[in-house]
Protein backbone atom coordinates (compact mmCIF):
# COMPACT_ATOMS: atom_id res chain seq x y z
CA MET A 1 -13.91 7.05 -38.56
CA LYS A 2 -15.94 8.34 -35.66
CA LYS A 3 -17.03 5.40 -34.63
CA LEU A 4 -13.66 3.70 -34.62
CA THR A 5 -12.15 6.50 -32.44
CA LEU A 6 -15.27 5.49 -30.04
CA GLY A 7 -14.33 2.26 -29.97
CA LEU A 8 -10.84 2.39 -29.22
CA MET A 9 -11.53 5.15 -26.55
CA THR A 10 -14.31 2.83 -24.87
CA GLY A 11 -11.72 0.20 -25.25
CA CYS A 12 -8.51 2.02 -23.64
CA MET A 13 -11.17 3.32 -20.63
CA LEU A 14 -12.24 -0.39 -20.40
CA PHE A 15 -8.97 -1.73 -19.63
CA LEU A 16 -7.89 1.27 -17.49
CA CYS A 17 -10.66 0.88 -15.31
CA ASN A 18 -10.51 -2.89 -14.85
CA PRO A 19 -10.26 -3.71 -11.14
CA THR A 20 -8.82 -6.84 -11.33
CA LEU A 21 -5.41 -8.02 -10.82
CA VAL A 22 -3.93 -10.32 -13.36
CA LYS A 23 -1.52 -12.64 -12.27
CA ALA A 24 0.23 -16.26 -13.01
CA GLU A 25 1.50 -17.44 -10.06
CA THR A 26 2.23 -21.25 -9.20
CA GLU A 27 0.79 -22.13 -5.75
CA THR A 28 3.93 -22.63 -4.05
CA ALA A 29 4.26 -18.87 -4.35
CA THR A 30 1.21 -18.30 -2.89
CA THR A 31 2.33 -20.58 0.24
CA ALA A 32 5.68 -18.86 0.75
CA THR A 33 3.59 -15.25 0.66
CA THR A 34 0.92 -16.91 3.33
CA VAL A 35 4.24 -18.15 5.40
CA SER A 36 5.93 -14.84 5.13
CA ALA A 37 2.77 -12.86 5.65
CA THR A 38 2.12 -14.51 9.10
CA VAL A 39 5.79 -14.12 10.28
CA ALA A 40 5.19 -10.11 9.08
CA SER A 41 2.05 -10.27 11.27
CA ALA A 42 3.78 -11.88 13.99
CA GLU A 43 6.55 -9.17 14.06
CA SER A 44 3.91 -6.41 13.72
CA ALA A 45 2.22 -8.30 16.77
CA LYS A 46 5.88 -7.79 18.70
CA MET A 47 5.88 -4.24 17.38
CA GLU A 48 2.49 -3.18 18.51
CA LEU A 49 3.30 -4.64 21.89
CA ARG A 50 6.49 -2.62 22.25
CA LEU A 51 4.25 0.81 21.33
CA THR A 52 2.10 -0.16 23.95
CA GLU A 53 4.96 -0.51 26.34
CA ILE A 54 6.22 2.94 25.21
CA LYS A 55 2.71 4.75 25.97
CA ALA A 56 2.43 3.13 29.16
CA MET A 57 5.93 4.60 30.43
CA ASP A 58 5.85 7.66 32.43
CA MET A 59 7.54 10.40 30.18
CA LYS A 60 7.59 12.74 32.94
CA THR A 61 10.64 10.94 34.75
CA LEU A 62 12.69 10.39 31.13
CA SER A 63 15.03 12.91 30.18
CA SER A 64 15.26 14.84 27.07
CA SER A 65 17.62 12.90 25.11
CA GLU A 66 15.62 9.37 26.74
CA LYS A 67 12.35 11.02 25.09
CA LYS A 68 14.08 11.90 21.66
CA GLU A 69 15.34 8.33 21.37
CA LEU A 70 11.48 6.74 22.27
CA ARG A 71 10.31 8.75 19.67
CA LYS A 72 12.55 8.15 17.05
CA GLU A 73 12.14 4.24 18.17
CA VAL A 74 7.94 4.57 17.62
CA ARG A 75 8.34 6.44 14.17
CA GLY A 76 10.86 3.45 13.21
CA ILE A 77 8.44 0.83 14.69
CA LYS A 78 5.32 2.68 12.94
CA SER A 79 7.33 2.67 9.46
CA ASP A 80 7.96 -1.19 9.80
CA ILE A 81 4.38 -1.73 10.44
CA LYS A 82 3.25 -0.10 7.70
CA ALA A 83 5.86 -1.87 5.77
CA ASN A 84 4.72 -5.25 6.61
CA ASN A 85 1.29 -4.37 6.19
CA ALA A 86 1.93 -3.43 2.50
CA VAL A 87 3.94 -6.87 1.84
CA ILE A 88 0.61 -8.56 3.49
CA ASN A 89 -1.83 -6.57 1.07
CA ASN A 90 0.61 -7.58 -1.84
CA GLY A 91 1.35 -3.60 -2.76
CA GLY A 92 -2.59 -2.67 -2.97
CA GLY A 93 -2.80 -1.98 -6.50
CA VAL A 94 -2.70 0.91 -8.87
CA TYR A 95 -5.70 3.72 -8.48
CA ILE A 96 -6.48 6.27 -10.81
CA SER A 97 -8.29 9.37 -9.52
CA VAL A 98 -11.28 11.06 -11.21
CA GLY A 99 -9.22 13.82 -12.16
CA ALA A 100 -6.73 11.82 -13.89
CA ALA A 101 -9.19 9.74 -15.76
CA ILE A 102 -10.66 12.98 -17.22
CA LEU A 103 -7.08 14.42 -18.17
CA ILE A 104 -6.56 10.78 -19.94
CA VAL A 105 -9.94 11.03 -21.75
CA LEU A 106 -9.45 14.58 -22.59
CA LEU A 107 -6.33 13.89 -23.87
CA LEU A 108 -7.41 10.74 -26.28
CA ILE A 109 -9.87 13.31 -27.60
CA LEU A 110 -7.36 16.12 -28.31
CA LEU A 111 -4.73 13.58 -29.65
CA LEU A 112 -7.32 11.42 -31.74
């Protein structure tokens, strides 16, 4: 019984700690992703250019409402750039912290 429990826990941990992503995509889907990634990177480049323009502005000459609008624009551009990077990186994946892994092992031990 102990060997079976130990084997099941080891198997579960191996599945949880597997770093590879299992994907069954066709080749046409990868080319579409590549095209969208290049479009997203071109948009990111335009946004980065706008950010550098905003940073180069003389803020002392602007009114407080104009400064407020620029701050909102900068926040929006930064969030769009992060979203575009997530599209390029395909979301990044799922990460389990060490504390969560220990908690899972303890729960498995207690429940089994």
